Amino acid sequence: MTQPVPAATPGVSALFASDGRLTSVPRKAARREQLLAHLAQTLFEPDRSYTEAEVNDALRTVHDDAPALRRYLVESGHLARPKDGSSYRRAGILR
């Protein structure tokens, strides 16, 4: 899970520096949605539960503000978690 993020799709690749880390999180909703979809697909396996620490570790491979990215992923429906916040799963949404 701590491996570098695979090559980004053309629309998202401009958001990453040559070292594979995000240069910034887009402010525009549509652009952020593209990024979140890419991160969910590349950092998290389907049908696997993750602890909050595992999610943070995965997100920190691309950006230092893991809590913000985690919140965006949950709010956008890319990651699902129970009300108690005990685990996270990649959601099965198609966009």
Foldseek 3Di string as FASTA:
>chain_A
DLDAFPQADPLLNVQADPQRAGPDQDPDPVSNVSVLVSLLVGQADAPDKAAPVSQQSSNVSHPNPSVVSVVVCPVVQQWDADPVRGIIGGGDDDD
